[in-house]
C-alpha atoms as a PDB file:
ATOM      1  CA  MET A   1      20.100  46.342  28.599  1.00  0.00           C
ATOM      2  CA  ALA A   2      19.863  48.408  25.424  1.00  0.00           C
ATOM      3  CA  THR A   3      16.919  46.354  24.178  1.00  0.00           C
ATOM      4  CA  ALA A   4      15.093  46.748  27.478  1.00  0.00           C
ATOM      5  CA  HIS A   5      15.711  50.481  27.338  1.00  0.00           C
ATOM      6  CA  VAL A   6      14.339  50.726  23.791  1.00  0.00           C
ATOM      7  CA  MET A   7      11.207  48.841  24.787  1.00  0.00           C
ATOM      8  CA  ALA A   8      10.754  50.966  27.906  1.00  0.00           C
ATOM      9  CA  SER A   9      10.954  54.164  25.887  1.00  0.00           C
ATOM     10  CA  GLY A  10       7.734  53.030  24.281  1.00  0.00           C
ATOM     11  CA  ILE A  11       8.056  54.346  20.757  1.00  0.00           C
ATOM     12  CA  GLY A  12       8.685  51.202  18.800  1.00  0.00           C
ATOM     13  CA  GLY A  13      12.425  50.702  18.735  1.00  0.00           C
ATOM     14  CA  MET A  14      13.733  50.511  15.194  1.00  0.00           C
ATOM     15  CA  ARG A  15      10.225  50.455  13.694  1.00  0.00           C
ATOM     16  CA  THR A  16       9.940  54.125  14.576  1.00  0.00           C
ATOM     17  CA  ALA A  17      12.511  56.240  16.459  1.00  0.00           C
ATOM     18  CA  GLY A  18      12.744  54.397  19.778  1.00  0.00           C
ATOM     19  CA  ASP A  19      16.294  53.276  19.089  1.00  0.00           C
ATOM     20  CA  LEU A  20      17.386  56.824  18.247  1.00  0.00           C
ATOM     21  CA  VAL A  21      15.780  58.239  21.378  1.00  0.00           C
ATOM     22  CA  SER A  22      17.376  55.480  23.462  1.00  0.00           C
ATOM     23  CA  TRP A  23      20.799  56.317  22.050  1.00  0.00           C
ATOM     24  CA  MET A  24      20.377  59.899  23.212  1.00  0.00           C
ATOM     25  CA  GLN A  25      19.239  58.800  26.650  1.00  0.00           C
ATOM     26  CA  MET A  26      22.246  56.518  27.025  1.00  0.00           C
ATOM     27  CA  ALA A  27      24.909  58.593  25.254  1.00  0.00           C
ATOM     28  CA  ARG A  28      23.978  62.021  26.569  1.00  0.00           C
ATOM     29  CA  LYS A  29      22.022  61.116  29.719  1.00  0.00           C
ATOM     30  CA  MET A  30      18.974  62.951  28.385  1.00  0.00           C
ATOM     31  CA  ARG A  31      15.536  62.518  29.868  1.00  0.00           C
ATOM     32  CA  ILE A  32      13.010  60.996  27.475  1.00  0.00           C
ATOM     33  CA  ASN A  33      11.238  64.216  26.465  1.00  0.00           C
ATOM     34  CA  GLU A  34      14.546  65.988  25.878  1.00  0.00           C
ATOM     35  CA  ALA A  35      15.815  63.018  23.851  1.00  0.00           C
ATOM     36  CA  LYS A  36      12.647  62.911  21.749  1.00  0.00           C
ATOM     37  CA  GLN A  37      12.908  66.634  20.994  1.00  0.00           C
ATOM     38  CA  TYR A  38      16.598  66.327  20.065  1.00  0.00           C
ATOM     39  CA  VAL A  39      15.927  63.431  17.683  1.00  0.00           C
ATOM     40  CA  ALA A  40      12.893  65.141  16.154  1.00  0.00           C
ATOM     41  CA  ASP A  41      14.959  68.276  15.544  1.00  0.00           C
ATOM     42  CA  LYS A  42      17.749  66.253  13.919  1.00  0.00           C
ATOM     43  CA  LEU A  43      15.214  64.516  11.668  1.00  0.00           C
ATOM     44  CA  GLY A  44      13.323  67.725  10.901  1.00  0.00           C
ATOM     45  CA  ILE A  45       9.960  66.399  12.096  1.00  0.00           C
ATOM     46  CA  ALA A  46       7.532  66.948  14.970  1.00  0.00           C
ATOM     47  CA  VAL A  47       7.957  64.898  18.146  1.00  0.00           C
ATOM     48  CA  ILE A  48       4.583  63.217  17.555  1.00  0.00           C
ATOM     49  CA  ASP A  49       5.873  61.859  14.227  1.00  0.00           C
ATOM     50  CA  LEU A  50       8.618  59.878  15.984  1.00  0.00           C
ATOM     51  CA  ALA A  51       6.023  57.224  16.822  1.00  0.00           C
ATOM     52  CA  ASN A  52       4.518  57.074  13.333  1.00  0.00           C
ATOM     53  CA  GLU A  53       5.781  53.934  11.597  1.00  0.00           C
ATOM     54  CA  GLU A  54       4.975  55.165   8.086  1.00  0.00           C
ATOM     55  CA  ILE A  55       6.744  58.507   8.468  1.00  0.00           C
ATOM     56  CA  MET A  56       9.731  56.943  10.208  1.00  0.00           C
ATOM     57  CA  ARG A  57      10.098  54.219   7.580  1.00  0.00           C
ATOM     58  CA  GLU A  58      10.386  56.910   4.900  1.00  0.00           C
ATOM     59  CA  ILE A  59      12.860  58.904   6.977  1.00  0.00           C
ATOM     60  CA  ARG A  60      14.918  55.794   7.763  1.00  0.00           C
ATOM     61  CA  GLU A  61      15.028  54.932   4.058  1.00  0.00           C
ATOM     62  CA  ASP A  62      15.942  58.491   3.039  1.00  0.00           C
ATOM     63  CA  LEU A  63      18.691  58.794   5.676  1.00  0.00           C
ATOM     64  CA  ASP A  64      19.761  55.149   5.229  1.00  0.00           C
ATOM     65  CA  ILE A  65      19.873  54.507   8.984  1.00  0.00           C
ATOM     66  CA  GLY A  66      18.503  50.979   9.052  1.00  0.00           C
ATOM     67  CA  LEU A  67      15.157  49.280   8.599  1.00  0.00           C
ATOM     68  CA  ILE A  68      13.432  46.340  10.279  1.00  0.00           C
ATOM     69  CA  THR A  69      13.019  44.586   6.943  1.00  0.00           C
ATOM     70  CA  ALA A  70      16.349  45.067   5.228  1.00  0.00           C
ATOM     71  CA  MET A  71      16.290  46.062   1.594  1.00  0.00           C
ATOM     72  CA  ALA A  72      19.041  45.475  -0.916  1.00  0.00           C
ATOM     73  CA  GLY A  73      21.366  48.437  -1.124  1.00  0.00           C
ATOM     74  CA  THR A  74      20.448  49.925   2.268  1.00  0.00           C
ATOM     75  CA  ALA A  75      22.641  50.235   5.330  1.00  0.00           C
ATOM     76  CA  LYS A  76      22.567  47.339   7.767  1.00  0.00           C
ATOM     77  CA  GLY A  77      24.403  46.593  10.988  1.00  0.00           C
ATOM     78  CA  ILE A  78      27.507  48.642  11.650  1.00  0.00           C
ATOM     79  CA  ALA A  79      26.943  50.801   8.538  1.00  0.00           C
ATOM     80  CA  ALA A  80      23.540  51.876   9.860  1.00  0.00           C
ATOM     81  CA  LYS A  81      25.023  52.516  13.319  1.00  0.00           C
ATOM     82  CA  LYS A  82      27.747  54.659  11.769  1.00  0.00           C
ATOM     83  CA  ARG A  83      25.132  56.780  10.023  1.00  0.00           C
ATOM     84  CA  ILE A  84      23.128  57.068  13.262  1.00  0.00           C
ATOM     85  CA  ALA A  85      26.233  58.187  15.165  1.00  0.00           C
ATOM     86  CA  GLU A  86      26.902  60.878  12.567  1.00  0.00           C
ATOM     87  CA  LEU A  87      23.263  62.006  12.463  1.00  0.00           C
ATOM     88  CA  LEU A  88      22.902  62.280  16.243  1.00  0.00           C
ATOM     89  CA  GLU A  89      26.465  63.531  16.769  1.00  0.00           C
ATOM     90  CA  ILE A  90      27.277  60.832  19.305  1.00  0.00           C
ATOM     91  CA  THR A  91      29.959  58.222  19.799  1.00  0.00           C
ATOM     92  CA  ILE A  92      28.873  54.597  19.512  1.00  0.00           C
ATOM     93  CA  PRO A  93      31.582  52.313  20.906  1.00  0.00           C
ATOM     94  CA  SER A  94      31.083  49.500  18.378  1.00  0.00           C
ATOM     95  CA  VAL A  95      31.380  51.980  15.515  1.00  0.00           C
ATOM     96  CA  GLU A  96      34.595  53.387  16.966  1.00  0.00           C
ATOM     97  CA  MET A  97      36.029  49.880  17.428  1.00  0.00           C
ATOM     98  CA  PHE A  98      35.166  49.071  13.821  1.00  0.00           C
ATOM     99  CA  LYS A  99      36.805  52.279  12.593  1.00  0.00           C
ATOM    100  CA  ASP A 100      39.937  51.491  14.602  1.00  0.00           C
ATOM    101  CA  LYS A 101      40.055  47.950  13.252  1.00  0.00           C
ATOM    102  CA  MET A 102      39.634  49.159   9.680  1.00  0.00           C
ATOM    103  CA  ASN A 103      42.016  52.128  10.157  1.00  0.00           C
ATOM    104  CA  LEU A 104      39.329  54.619   9.084  1.00  0.00           C
END
């Protein structure tokens, strides 16, 4: 369901900010425009830039919140999700389960 939601939001999933916007729609029940504005504000960019792959790749690298083509030394998987949860100020169940398992 999450993948379908990312694709339906229409801004490129992890290539841009579609995954971040989807998290806000699911976690906070925001409508798409509200979610886009929230994410843009958190990233310090204009809403239009959320769909720009070049800008978002730089932002994703700078914030270390995951990339499509993983690079050595960057966050992947649960580490990227943890950073996303902190950035967006949301709870991601898999991150919380991991924290509980690791006693963090």
